Amino acid sequence: MSDAAAVPLLVTLGEAAAAPLQPGRASALLLRHGTLELRYYAPRGHDPQQPHDQDELYVIAAGTGVFVREEERVRFGPGDALFVPAGAVHCFEGFSDDFAAWVVFYGPIGGERP
């Protein structure tokens, strides 16, 4: 059996929403392969995030709101993708009660080079 066979082929939105949070983490780990981690993030009330040490991609699964990355602010909705380079200050603001996002962390500590 190859290492890839140990990584799920499919993770449904329902499975992601039901996955438990890890101690000390605000998102549920769904799969890991090399440097890549797929997580599910659905904060309630406010977003307590701090900058991360890897590059990150959010894909909005549900809900709407405003995403802040450093000095930039954008409105988001289901299906939108948001990129955050390693170390950048970022958070979700004014998000709806049904807000949820797939989160992909990847690459080396400190982020990929352009």
PDB file of N, CA and C in Angstrom:
ATOM      1  N   MET A   1       0.848  -1.183   0.000  1.00  0.00           N
ATOM      2  CA  MET A   1       0.000   0.000   0.000  1.00  0.00           C
ATOM      3  C   MET A   1       0.888   1.238   0.000  1.00  0.00           C
ATOM      4  N   SER A   2       0.629   2.164  -0.916  1.00  0.00           N
ATOM      5  CA  SER A   2       1.411   3.399  -0.979  1.00  0.00           C
ATOM      6  C   SER A   2       0.950   4.378   0.089  1.00  0.00           C
ATOM      7  N   ASP A   3       1.783   5.378   0.372  1.00  0.00           N
ATOM      8  CA  ASP A   3       1.407   6.419   1.334  1.00  0.00           C
ATOM      9  C   ASP A   3       0.151   7.149   0.889  1.00  0.00           C
ATOM     10  N   ALA A   4      -0.010   7.353  -0.434  1.00  0.00           N
ATOM     11  CA  ALA A   4      -1.186   8.060  -0.951  1.00  0.00           C
ATOM     12  C   ALA A   4      -2.463   7.311  -0.621  1.00  0.00           C
ATOM     13  N   ALA A   5      -2.387   5.981  -0.538  1.00  0.00           N
ATOM     14  CA  ALA A   5      -3.585   5.193  -0.225  1.00  0.00           C
ATOM     15  C   ALA A   5      -4.066   5.449   1.195  1.00  0.00           C
ATOM     16  N   ALA A   6      -3.179   5.912   2.074  1.00  0.00           N
ATOM     17  CA  ALA A   6      -3.562   6.201   3.459  1.00  0.00           C
ATOM     18  C   ALA A   6      -4.251   7.560   3.581  1.00  0.00           C
ATOM     19  N   VAL A   7      -4.149   8.389   2.550  1.00  0.00           N
ATOM     20  CA  VAL A   7      -4.787   9.704   2.539  1.00  0.00           C
ATOM     21  C   VAL A   7      -6.172   9.546   1.928  1.00  0.00           C
ATOM     22  N   PRO A   8      -7.211  10.063   2.578  1.00  0.00           N
ATOM     23  CA  PRO A   8      -8.558   9.900   2.028  1.00  0.00           C
ATOM     24  C   PRO A   8      -8.674  10.452   0.611  1.00  0.00           C
ATOM     25  N   LEU A   9      -9.383   9.728  -0.241  1.00  0.00           N
ATOM     26  CA  LEU A   9      -9.665  10.184  -1.592  1.00  0.00           C
ATOM     27  C   LEU A   9     -10.711  11.293  -1.572  1.00  0.00           C
ATOM     28  N   LEU A  10     -11.666  11.185  -0.657  1.00  0.00           N
ATOM     29  CA  LEU A  10     -12.788  12.113  -0.571  1.00  0.00           C
ATOM     30  C   LEU A  10     -13.033  12.495   0.880  1.00  0.00           C
ATOM     31  N   VAL A  11     -13.234  13.775   1.116  1.00  0.00           N
ATOM     32  CA  VAL A  11     -13.697  14.266   2.412  1.00  0.00           C
ATOM     33  C   VAL A  11     -14.927  15.108   2.111  1.00  0.00           C
ATOM     34  N   THR A  12     -16.069  14.689   2.628  1.00  0.00           N
ATOM     35  CA  THR A  12     -17.294  15.436   2.365  1.00  0.00           C
ATOM     36  C   THR A  12     -17.422  16.619   3.325  1.00  0.00           C
ATOM     37  N   LEU A  13     -18.250  17.573   2.938  1.00  0.00           N
ATOM     38  CA  LEU A  13     -18.501  18.725   3.798  1.00  0.00           C
ATOM     39  C   LEU A  13     -19.119  18.277   5.118  1.00  0.00           C
ATOM     40  N   GLY A  14     -19.995  17.276   5.071  1.00  0.00           N
ATOM     41  CA  GLY A  14     -20.593  16.746   6.292  1.00  0.00           C
ATOM     42  C   GLY A  14     -19.562  16.132   7.220  1.00  0.00           C
ATOM     43  N   GLU A  15     -18.624  15.367   6.657  1.00  0.00           N
ATOM     44  CA  GLU A  15     -17.550  14.782   7.468  1.00  0.00           C
ATOM     45  C   GLU A  15     -16.673  15.879   8.069  1.00  0.00           C
ATOM     46  N   ALA A  16     -16.387  16.893   7.273  1.00  0.00           N
ATOM     47  CA  ALA A  16     -15.553  17.993   7.754  1.00  0.00           C
ATOM     48  C   ALA A  16     -16.219  18.710   8.917  1.00  0.00           C
ATOM     49  N   ALA A  17     -17.507  18.998   8.779  1.00  0.00           N
ATOM     50  CA  ALA A  17     -18.238  19.707   9.830  1.00  0.00           C
ATOM     51  C   ALA A  17     -18.325  18.902  11.113  1.00  0.00           C
ATOM     52  N   ALA A  18     -18.307  17.574  11.021  1.00  0.00           N
ATOM     53  CA  ALA A  18     -18.411  16.704  12.195  1.00  0.00           C
ATOM     54  C   ALA A  18     -17.053  16.367  12.809  1.00  0.00           C
ATOM     55  N   ALA A  19     -15.967  16.699  12.134  1.00  0.00           N
ATOM     56  CA  ALA A  19     -14.630  16.348  12.628  1.00  0.00           C
ATOM     57  C   ALA A  19     -14.298  17.123  13.896  1.00  0.00           C
ATOM     58  N   PRO A  20     -13.670  16.450  14.848  1.00  0.00           N
ATOM     59  CA  PRO A  20     -13.335  17.121  16.112  1.00  0.00           C
ATOM     60  C   PRO A  20     -12.153  18.084  15.961  1.00  0.00           C
ATOM     61  N   LEU A  21     -12.166  19.131  16.764  1.00  0.00           N
ATOM     62  CA  LEU A  21     -11.025  20.039  16.819  1.00  0.00           C
ATOM     63  C   LEU A  21      -9.906  19.368  17.597  1.00  0.00           C
ATOM     64  N   GLN A  22      -8.676  19.640  17.209  1.00  0.00           N
ATOM     65  CA  GLN A  22      -7.530  19.142  17.956  1.00  0.00           C
ATOM     66  C   GLN A  22      -7.283  20.089  19.134  1.00  0.00           C
ATOM     67  N   PRO A  23      -6.762  19.587  20.223  1.00  0.00           N
ATOM     68  CA  PRO A  23      -6.445  20.478  21.351  1.00  0.00           C
ATOM     69  C   PRO A  23      -5.530  21.622  20.904  1.00  0.00           C
ATOM     70  N   GLY A  24      -5.914  22.827  21.264  1.00  0.00           N
ATOM     71  CA  GLY A  24      -5.114  23.999  20.936  1.00  0.00           C
ATOM     72  C   GLY A  24      -5.254  24.501  19.517  1.00  0.00           C
ATOM     73  N   ARG A  25      -6.130  23.887  18.714  1.00  0.00           N
ATOM     74  CA  ARG A  25      -6.337  24.309  17.324  1.00  0.00           C
ATOM     75  C   ARG A  25      -7.788  24.740  17.127  1.00  0.00           C
ATOM     76  N   ALA A  26      -8.007  25.715  16.255  1.00  0.00           N
ATOM     77  CA  ALA A  26      -9.358  26.217  15.989  1.00  0.00           C
ATOM     78  C   ALA A  26      -9.963  25.587  14.741  1.00  0.00           C
ATOM     79  N   SER A  27      -9.209  24.658  14.123  1.00  0.00           N
ATOM     80  CA  SER A  27      -9.700  23.979  12.925  1.00  0.00           C
ATOM     81  C   SER A  27      -9.491  22.475  13.083  1.00  0.00           C
ATOM     82  N   ALA A  28     -10.310  21.710  12.363  1.00  0.00           N
ATOM     83  CA  ALA A  28     -10.228  20.249  12.413  1.00  0.00           C
ATOM     84  C   ALA A  28      -9.313  19.759  11.293  1.00  0.00           C
ATOM     85  N   LEU A  29      -8.383  18.873  11.625  1.00  0.00           N
ATOM     86  CA  LEU A  29      -7.497  18.266  10.634  1.00  0.00           C
ATOM     87  C   LEU A  29      -8.250  17.163   9.903  1.00  0.00           C
ATOM     88  N   LEU A  30      -8.309  17.260   8.570  1.00  0.00           N
ATOM     89  CA  LEU A  30      -9.034  16.290   7.759  1.00  0.00           C
ATOM     90  C   LEU A  30      -8.094  15.338   7.029  1.00  0.00           C
ATOM     91  N   LEU A  31      -6.959  15.863   6.564  1.00  0.00           N
ATOM     92  CA  LEU A  31      -5.951  14.993   5.957  1.00  0.00           C
ATOM     93  C   LEU A  31      -4.615  15.695   5.944  1.00  0.00           C
ATOM     94  N   ARG A  32      -3.562  14.872   5.850  1.00  0.00           N
ATOM     95  CA  ARG A  32      -2.193  15.385   5.792  1.00  0.00           C
ATOM     96  C   ARG A  32      -1.441  14.549   4.764  1.00  0.00           C
ATOM     97  N   HIS A  33      -0.679  15.230   3.915  1.00  0.00           N
ATOM     98  CA  HIS A  33       0.154  14.554   2.929  1.00  0.00           C
ATOM     99  C   HIS A  33       1.371  15.429   2.681  1.00  0.00           C
ATOM    100  N   GLY A  34       2.541  14.984   3.087  1.00  0.00           N
ATOM    101  CA  GLY A  34       3.741  15.810   2.985  1.00  0.00           C
ATOM    102  C   GLY A  34       3.547  17.084   3.775  1.00  0.00           C
ATOM    103  N   THR A  35       3.795  18.234   3.147  1.00  0.00           N
ATOM    104  CA  THR A  35       3.619  19.509   3.844  1.00  0.00           C
ATOM    105  C   THR A  35       2.180  19.994   3.822  1.00  0.00           C
ATOM    106  N   LEU A  36       1.320  19.321   3.048  1.00  0.00           N
ATOM    107  CA  LEU A  36      -0.061  19.770   2.879  1.00  0.00           C
ATOM    108  C   LEU A  36      -0.953  19.281   4.017  1.00  0.00           C
ATOM    109  N   GLU A  37      -1.738  20.187   4.540  1.00  0.00           N
ATOM    110  CA  GLU A  37      -2.790  19.836   5.503  1.00  0.00           C
ATOM    111  C   GLU A  37      -4.104  20.422   4.998  1.00  0.00           C
ATOM    112  N   LEU A  38      -5.150  19.620   5.043  1.00  0.00           N
ATOM    113  CA  LEU A  38      -6.497  20.092   4.756  1.00  0.00           C
ATOM    114  C   LEU A  38      -7.238  20.155   6.076  1.00  0.00           C
ATOM    115  N   ARG A  39      -7.816  21.323   6.358  1.00  0.00           N
ATOM    116  CA  ARG A  39      -8.527  21.541   7.608  1.00  0.00           C
ATOM    117  C   ARG A  39      -9.895  22.147   7.325  1.00  0.00           C
ATOM    118  N   TYR A  40     -10.743  22.140   8.335  1.00  0.00           N
ATOM    119  CA  TYR A  40     -12.073  22.733   8.266  1.00  0.00           C
ATOM    120  C   TYR A  40     -12.154  23.765   9.380  1.00  0.00           C
ATOM    121  N   TYR A  41     -12.539  24.984   9.027  1.00  0.00           N
ATOM    122  CA  TYR A  41     -12.559  26.097   9.979  1.00  0.00           C
ATOM    123  C   TYR A  41     -13.941  26.723  10.001  1.00  0.00           C
ATOM    124  N   ALA A  42     -14.575  26.723  11.163  1.00  0.00           N
ATOM    125  CA  ALA A  42     -15.919  27.288  11.310  1.00  0.00           C
ATOM    126  C   ALA A  42     -16.049  27.977  12.666  1.00  0.00           C
ATOM    127  N   PRO A  43     -15.367  29.120  12.836  1.00  0.00           N
ATOM    128  CA  PRO A  43     -15.464  29.821  14.119  1.00  0.00           C
ATOM    129  C   PRO A  43     -16.866  30.382  14.332  1.00  0.00           C
ATOM    130  N   ARG A  44     -17.205  30.601  15.553  1.00  0.00           N
ATOM    131  CA  ARG A  44     -18.506  31.203  15.885  1.00  0.00           C
ATOM    132  C   ARG A  44     -18.256  32.473  16.685  1.00  0.00           C
ATOM    133  N   GLY A  45     -18.906  33.565  16.266  1.00  0.00           N
ATOM    134  CA  GLY A  45     -18.783  34.824  16.999  1.00  0.00           C
ATOM    135  C   GLY A  45     -17.652  35.701  16.521  1.00  0.00           C
ATOM    136  N   HIS A  46     -16.405  35.254  16.714  1.00  0.00           N
ATOM    137  CA  HIS A  46     -15.264  36.038  16.230  1.00  0.00           C
ATOM    138  C   HIS A  46     -14.141  35.084  15.821  1.00  0.00           C
ATOM    139  N   ASP A  47     -13.192  35.612  15.071  1.00  0.00           N
ATOM    140  CA  ASP A  47     -12.076  34.830  14.539  1.00  0.00           C
ATOM    141  C   ASP A  47     -10.812  35.162  15.327  1.00  0.00           C
ATOM    142  N   PRO A  48     -10.308  34.217  16.132  1.00  0.00           N
ATOM    143  CA  PRO A  48      -9.161  34.492  17.000  1.00  0.00           C
ATOM    144  C   PRO A  48      -7.802  34.193  16.366  1.00  0.00           C
ATOM    145  N   GLN A  49      -7.721  34.082  15.060  1.00  0.00           N
ATOM    146  CA  GLN A  49      -6.485  33.635  14.415  1.00  0.00           C
ATOM    147  C   GLN A  49      -5.283  34.525  14.665  1.00  0.00           C
ATOM    148  N   GLN A  50      -4.130  33.877  14.622  1.00  0.00           N
ATOM    149  CA  GLN A  50      -2.833  34.537  14.618  1.00  0.00           C
ATOM    150  C   GLN A  50      -2.150  34.151  13.304  1.00  0.00           C
ATOM    151  N   PRO A  51      -1.121  34.888  12.870  1.00  0.00           N
ATOM    152  CA  PRO A  51      -0.420  34.515  11.645  1.00  0.00           C
ATOM    153  C   PRO A  51       0.114  33.081  11.722  1.00  0.00           C
ATOM    154  N   HIS A  52       0.152  32.412  10.559  1.00  0.00           N
ATOM    155  CA  HIS A  52       0.616  31.029  10.480  1.00  0.00           C
ATOM    156  C   HIS A  52       1.992  30.984   9.835  1.00  0.00           C
ATOM    157  N   ASP A  53       2.706  29.884  10.060  1.00  0.00           N
ATOM    158  CA  ASP A  53       4.065  29.793   9.538  1.00  0.00           C
ATOM    159  C   ASP A  53       4.157  29.121   8.161  1.00  0.00           C
ATOM    160  N   GLN A  54       3.003  28.754   7.583  1.00  0.00           N
ATOM    161  CA  GLN A  54       2.968  28.222   6.224  1.00  0.00           C
ATOM    162  C   GLN A  54       2.008  29.056   5.379  1.00  0.00           C
ATOM    163  N   ASP A  55       2.163  28.966   4.065  1.00  0.00           N
ATOM    164  CA  ASP A  55       1.183  29.584   3.168  1.00  0.00           C
ATOM    165  C   ASP A  55      -0.152  28.881   3.377  1.00  0.00           C
ATOM    166  N   GLU A  56      -1.221  29.588   3.041  1.00  0.00           N
ATOM    167  CA  GLU A  56      -2.559  29.091   3.373  1.00  0.00           C
ATOM    168  C   GLU A  56      -3.556  29.524   2.296  1.00  0.00           C
ATOM    169  N   LEU A  57      -4.472  28.620   1.996  1.00  0.00           N
ATOM    170  CA  LEU A  57      -5.543  28.897   1.056  1.00  0.00           C
ATOM    171  C   LEU A  57      -6.863  28.545   1.725  1.00  0.00           C
ATOM    172  N   TYR A  58      -7.788  29.492   1.747  1.00  0.00           N
ATOM    173  CA  TYR A  58      -9.144  29.248   2.247  1.00  0.00           C
ATOM    174  C   TYR A  58     -10.068  29.118   1.044  1.00  0.00           C
ATOM    175  N   VAL A  59     -10.966  28.147   1.068  1.00  0.00           N
ATOM    176  CA  VAL A  59     -12.051  28.061   0.100  1.00  0.00           C
ATOM    177  C   VAL A  59     -13.333  28.101   0.917  1.00  0.00           C
ATOM    178  N   ILE A  60     -14.144  29.104   0.680  1.00  0.00           N
ATOM    179  CA  ILE A  60     -15.345  29.304   1.492  1.00  0.00           C
ATOM    180  C   ILE A  60     -16.383  28.241   1.147  1.00  0.00           C
ATOM    181  N   ALA A  61     -16.775  27.469   2.148  1.00  0.00           N
ATOM    182  CA  ALA A  61     -17.765  26.406   1.985  1.00  0.00           C
ATOM    183  C   ALA A  61     -19.178  26.949   2.180  1.00  0.00           C
ATOM    184  N   ALA A  62     -19.331  27.884   3.114  1.00  0.00           N
ATOM    185  CA  ALA A  62     -20.652  28.447   3.425  1.00  0.00           C
ATOM    186  C   ALA A  62     -20.472  29.801   4.091  1.00  0.00           C
ATOM    187  N   GLY A  63     -21.481  30.645   3.947  1.00  0.00           N
ATOM    188  CA  GLY A  63     -21.503  31.917   4.653  1.00  0.00           C
ATOM    189  C   GLY A  63     -20.887  33.064   3.870  1.00  0.00           C
ATOM    190  N   THR A  64     -20.992  34.224   4.480  1.00  0.00           N
ATOM    191  CA  THR A  64     -20.491  35.469   3.899  1.00  0.00           C
ATOM    192  C   THR A  64     -19.826  36.291   4.989  1.00  0.00           C
ATOM    193  N   GLY A  65     -19.080  37.287   4.574  1.00  0.00           N
ATOM    194  CA  GLY A  65     -18.442  38.186   5.525  1.00  0.00           C
ATOM    195  C   GLY A  65     -17.361  39.004   4.865  1.00  0.00           C
ATOM    196  N   VAL A  66     -16.433  39.476   5.680  1.00  0.00           N
ATOM    197  CA  VAL A  66     -15.310  40.279   5.211  1.00  0.00           C
ATOM    198  C   VAL A  66     -14.033  39.575   5.643  1.00  0.00           C
ATOM    199  N   PHE A  67     -13.074  39.485   4.713  1.00  0.00           N
ATOM    200  CA  PHE A  67     -11.772  38.901   5.037  1.00  0.00           C
ATOM    201  C   PHE A  67     -10.744  40.015   5.042  1.00  0.00           C
ATOM    202  N   VAL A  68      -9.908  40.028   6.070  1.00  0.00           N
ATOM    203  CA  VAL A  68      -8.863  41.035   6.221  1.00  0.00           C
ATOM    204  C   VAL A  68      -7.512  40.334   6.125  1.00  0.00           C
ATOM    205  N   ARG A  69      -6.657  40.837   5.225  1.00  0.00           N
ATOM    206  CA  ARG A  69      -5.273  40.357   5.105  1.00  0.00           C
ATOM    207  C   ARG A  69      -4.391  41.588   5.102  1.00  0.00           C
ATOM    208  N   GLU A  70      -3.655  41.742   6.214  1.00  0.00           N
ATOM    209  CA  GLU A  70      -2.830  42.934   6.399  1.00  0.00           C
ATOM    210  C   GLU A  70      -3.721  44.177   6.230  1.00  0.00           C
ATOM    211  N   GLU A  71      -3.479  45.017   5.234  1.00  0.00           N
ATOM    212  CA  GLU A  71      -4.263  46.244   5.035  1.00  0.00           C
ATOM    213  C   GLU A  71      -5.419  46.068   4.047  1.00  0.00           C
ATOM    214  N   GLU A  72      -5.548  44.866   3.465  1.00  0.00           N
ATOM    215  CA  GLU A  72      -6.598  44.614   2.465  1.00  0.00           C
ATOM    216  C   GLU A  72      -7.858  44.078   3.134  1.00  0.00           C
ATOM    217  N   ARG A  73      -9.010  44.436   2.567  1.00  0.00           N
ATOM    218  CA  ARG A  73     -10.304  43.943   3.041  1.00  0.00           C
ATOM    219  C   ARG A  73     -11.145  43.574   1.828  1.00  0.00           C
ATOM    220  N   VAL A  74     -11.725  42.377   1.833  1.00  0.00           N
ATOM    221  CA  VAL A  74     -12.594  41.959   0.728  1.00  0.00           C
ATOM    222  C   VAL A  74     -13.817  41.240   1.285  1.00  0.00           C
ATOM    223  N   ARG A  75     -14.945  41.398   0.591  1.00  0.00           N
ATOM    224  CA  ARG A  75     -16.145  40.625   0.917  1.00  0.00           C
ATOM    225  C   ARG A  75     -15.982  39.248   0.290  1.00  0.00           C
ATOM    226  N   PHE A  76     -16.512  38.218   0.968  1.00  0.00           N
ATOM    227  CA  PHE A  76     -16.422  36.864   0.444  1.00  0.00           C
ATOM    228  C   PHE A  76     -17.763  36.155   0.547  1.00  0.00           C
ATOM    229  N   GLY A  77     -17.896  35.094  -0.231  1.00  0.00           N
ATOM    230  CA  GLY A  77     -19.088  34.256  -0.216  1.00  0.00           C
ATOM    231  C   GLY A  77     -18.728  32.840  -0.623  1.00  0.00           C
ATOM    232  N   PRO A  78     -19.701  31.940  -0.611  1.00  0.00           N
ATOM    233  CA  PRO A  78     -19.451  30.537  -0.933  1.00  0.00           C
ATOM    234  C   PRO A  78     -18.759  30.368  -2.285  1.00  0.00           C
ATOM    235  N   GLY A  79     -17.740  29.522  -2.287  1.00  0.00           N
ATOM    236  CA  GLY A  79     -16.985  29.238  -3.498  1.00  0.00           C
ATOM    237  C   GLY A  79     -15.778  30.127  -3.704  1.00  0.00           C
ATOM    238  N   ASP A  80     -15.668  31.229  -2.976  1.00  0.00           N
ATOM    239  CA  ASP A  80     -14.524  32.118  -3.124  1.00  0.00           C
ATOM    240  C   ASP A  80     -13.277  31.483  -2.505  1.00  0.00           C
ATOM    241  N   ALA A  81     -12.115  31.822  -3.070  1.00  0.00           N
ATOM    242  CA  ALA A  81     -10.829  31.361  -2.552  1.00  0.00           C
ATOM    243  C   ALA A  81     -10.024  32.571  -2.108  1.00  0.00           C
ATOM    244  N   LEU A  82      -9.354  32.437  -0.973  1.00  0.00           N
ATOM    245  CA  LEU A  82      -8.579  33.523  -0.376  1.00  0.00           C
ATOM    246  C   LEU A  82      -7.177  33.009  -0.052  1.00  0.00           C
ATOM    247  N   PHE A  83      -6.147  33.714  -0.496  1.00  0.00           N
ATOM    248  CA  PHE A  83      -4.756  33.300  -0.247  1.00  0.00           C
ATOM    249  C   PHE A  83      -4.129  34.160   0.839  1.00  0.00           C
ATOM    250  N   VAL A  84      -3.361  33.506   1.714  1.00  0.00           N
ATOM    251  CA  VAL A  84      -2.633  34.208   2.768  1.00  0.00           C
ATOM    252  C   VAL A  84      -1.202  33.680   2.794  1.00  0.00           C
ATOM    253  N   PRO A  85      -0.212  34.537   2.554  1.00  0.00           N
ATOM    254  CA  PRO A  85       1.170  34.074   2.651  1.00  0.00           C
ATOM    255  C   PRO A  85       1.560  33.855   4.113  1.00  0.00           C
ATOM    256  N   ALA A  86       2.522  32.996   4.314  1.00  0.00           N
ATOM    257  CA  ALA A  86       3.007  32.715   5.665  1.00  0.00           C
ATOM    258  C   ALA A  86       3.369  34.015   6.378  1.00  0.00           C
ATOM    259  N   GLY A  87       2.973  34.112   7.647  1.00  0.00           N
ATOM    260  CA  GLY A  87       3.322  35.251   8.483  1.00  0.00           C
ATOM    261  C   GLY A  87       2.412  36.459   8.365  1.00  0.00           C
ATOM    262  N   ALA A  88       1.469  36.451   7.412  1.00  0.00           N
ATOM    263  CA  ALA A  88       0.599  37.620   7.225  1.00  0.00           C
ATOM    264  C   ALA A  88      -0.509  37.647   8.282  1.00  0.00           C
ATOM    265  N   VAL A  89      -0.769  38.819   8.821  1.00  0.00           N
ATOM    266  CA  VAL A  89      -1.871  39.016   9.760  1.00  0.00           C
ATOM    267  C   VAL A  89      -3.168  38.951   8.953  1.00  0.00           C
ATOM    268  N   HIS A  90      -4.121  38.147   9.428  1.00  0.00           N
ATOM    269  CA  HIS A  90      -5.376  37.980   8.689  1.00  0.00           C
ATOM    270  C   HIS A  90      -6.480  37.506   9.621  1.00  0.00           C
ATOM    271  N   CYS A  91      -7.742  37.758   9.223  1.00  0.00           N
ATOM    272  CA  CYS A  91      -8.882  37.259   9.987  1.00  0.00           C
ATOM    273  C   CYS A  91     -10.168  37.463   9.198  1.00  0.00           C
ATOM    274  N   PHE A  92     -11.199  36.759   9.639  1.00  0.00           N
ATOM    275  CA  PHE A  92     -12.545  36.934   9.099  1.00  0.00           C
ATOM    276  C   PHE A  92     -13.305  37.850  10.040  1.00  0.00           C
ATOM    277  N   GLU A  93     -14.074  38.786   9.478  1.00  0.00           N
ATOM    278  CA  GLU A  93     -14.861  39.724  10.280  1.00  0.00           C
ATOM    279  C   GLU A  93     -16.301  39.742   9.788  1.00  0.00           C
ATOM    280  N   GLY A  94     -17.220  40.046  10.687  1.00  0.00           N
ATOM    281  CA  GLY A  94     -18.612  40.233  10.324  1.00  0.00           C
ATOM    282  C   GLY A  94     -19.192  39.059   9.552  1.00  0.00           C
ATOM    283  N   PHE A  95     -18.750  37.866   9.861  1.00  0.00           N
ATOM    284  CA  PHE A  95     -19.204  36.696   9.107  1.00  0.00           C
ATOM    285  C   PHE A  95     -20.536  36.170   9.622  1.00  0.00           C
ATOM    286  N   SER A  96     -21.270  35.540   8.710  1.00  0.00           N
ATOM    287  CA  SER A  96     -22.585  34.993   9.029  1.00  0.00           C
ATOM    288  C   SER A  96     -22.475  33.774   9.948  1.00  0.00           C
ATOM    289  N   ASP A  97     -23.585  33.450  10.597  1.00  0.00           N
ATOM    290  CA  ASP A  97     -23.608  32.329  11.549  1.00  0.00           C
ATOM    291  C   ASP A  97     -23.292  30.990  10.913  1.00  0.00           C
ATOM    292  N   ASP A  98     -23.488  30.869   9.602  1.00  0.00           N
ATOM    293  CA  ASP A  98     -23.223  29.601   8.922  1.00  0.00           C
ATOM    294  C   ASP A  98     -21.836  29.545   8.280  1.00  0.00           C
ATOM    295  N   PHE A  99     -20.969  30.515   8.584  1.00  0.00           N
ATOM    296  CA  PHE A  99     -19.643  30.576   7.966  1.00  0.00           C
ATOM    297  C   PHE A  99     -18.842  29.307   8.222  1.00  0.00           C
ATOM    298  N   ALA A 100     -18.219  28.790   7.162  1.00  0.00           N
ATOM    299  CA  ALA A 100     -17.304  27.649   7.240  1.00  0.00           C
ATOM    300  C   ALA A 100     -16.375  27.697   6.035  1.00  0.00           C
ATOM    301  N   ALA A 101     -15.140  27.254   6.228  1.00  0.00           N
ATOM    302  CA  ALA A 101     -14.159  27.263   5.141  1.00  0.00           C
ATOM    303  C   ALA A 101     -13.280  26.028   5.190  1.00  0.00           C
ATOM    304  N   TRP A 102     -12.934  25.549   4.007  1.00  0.00           N
ATOM    305  CA  TRP A 102     -11.860  24.576   3.867  1.00  0.00           C
ATOM    306  C   TRP A 102     -10.562  25.370   3.973  1.00  0.00           C
ATOM    307  N   VAL A 103      -9.565  24.841   4.650  1.00  0.00           N
ATOM    308  CA  VAL A 103      -8.280  25.523   4.793  1.00  0.00           C
ATOM    309  C   VAL A 103      -7.179  24.570   4.345  1.00  0.00           C
ATOM    310  N   VAL A 104      -6.336  25.047   3.455  1.00  0.00           N
ATOM    311  CA  VAL A 104      -5.194  24.259   2.986  1.00  0.00           C
ATOM    312  C   VAL A 104      -3.926  24.971   3.430  1.00  0.00           C
ATOM    313  N   PHE A 105      -3.131  24.307   4.257  1.00  0.00           N
ATOM    314  CA  PHE A 105      -1.790  24.779   4.613  1.00  0.00           C
ATOM    315  C   PHE A 105      -0.818  23.967   3.770  1.00  0.00           C
ATOM    316  N   TYR A 106       0.231  24.616   3.262  1.00  0.00           N
ATOM    317  CA  TYR A 106       1.181  23.879   2.437  1.00  0.00           C
ATOM    318  C   TYR A 106       2.520  24.583   2.392  1.00  0.00           C
ATOM    319  N   GLY A 107       3.522  23.852   1.955  1.00  0.00           N
ATOM    320  CA  GLY A 107       4.844  24.408   1.698  1.00  0.00           C
ATOM    321  C   GLY A 107       5.711  24.476   2.934  1.00  0.00           C
ATOM    322  N   PRO A 108       6.895  25.043   2.739  1.00  0.00           N
ATOM    323  CA  PRO A 108       7.863  25.110   3.832  1.00  0.00           C
ATOM    324  C   PRO A 108       7.486  26.145   4.886  1.00  0.00           C
ATOM    325  N   ILE A 109       8.051  25.989   6.055  1.00  0.00           N
ATOM    326  CA  ILE A 109       7.914  26.999   7.106  1.00  0.00           C
ATOM    327  C   ILE A 109       8.486  28.304   6.546  1.00  0.00           C
ATOM    328  N   GLY A 110       7.734  29.394   6.718  1.00  0.00           N
ATOM    329  CA  GLY A 110       8.150  30.674   6.166  1.00  0.00           C
ATOM    330  C   GLY A 110       7.543  30.971   4.808  1.00  0.00           C
ATOM    331  N   GLY A 111       6.892  29.966   4.205  1.00  0.00           N
ATOM    332  CA  GLY A 111       6.207  30.154   2.929  1.00  0.00           C
ATOM    333  C   GLY A 111       7.053  29.850   1.718  1.00  0.00           C
ATOM    334  N   GLU A 112       6.357  29.701   0.597  1.00  0.00           N
ATOM    335  CA  GLU A 112       7.005  29.433  -0.683  1.00  0.00           C
ATOM    336  C   GLU A 112       7.580  30.731  -1.231  1.00  0.00           C
ATOM    337  N   ARG A 113       8.581  30.619  -2.029  1.00  0.00           N
ATOM    338  CA  ARG A 113       9.124  31.799  -2.699  1.00  0.00           C
ATOM    339  C   ARG A 113       8.346  32.037  -3.984  1.00  0.00           C
ATOM    340  N   PRO A 114       8.080  33.327  -4.319  1.00  0.00           N
ATOM    341  CA  PRO A 114       7.320  33.622  -5.552  1.00  0.00           C
ATOM    342  C   PRO A 114       8.070  33.144  -6.796  1.00  0.00           C
TER     343      PRO A 114
END
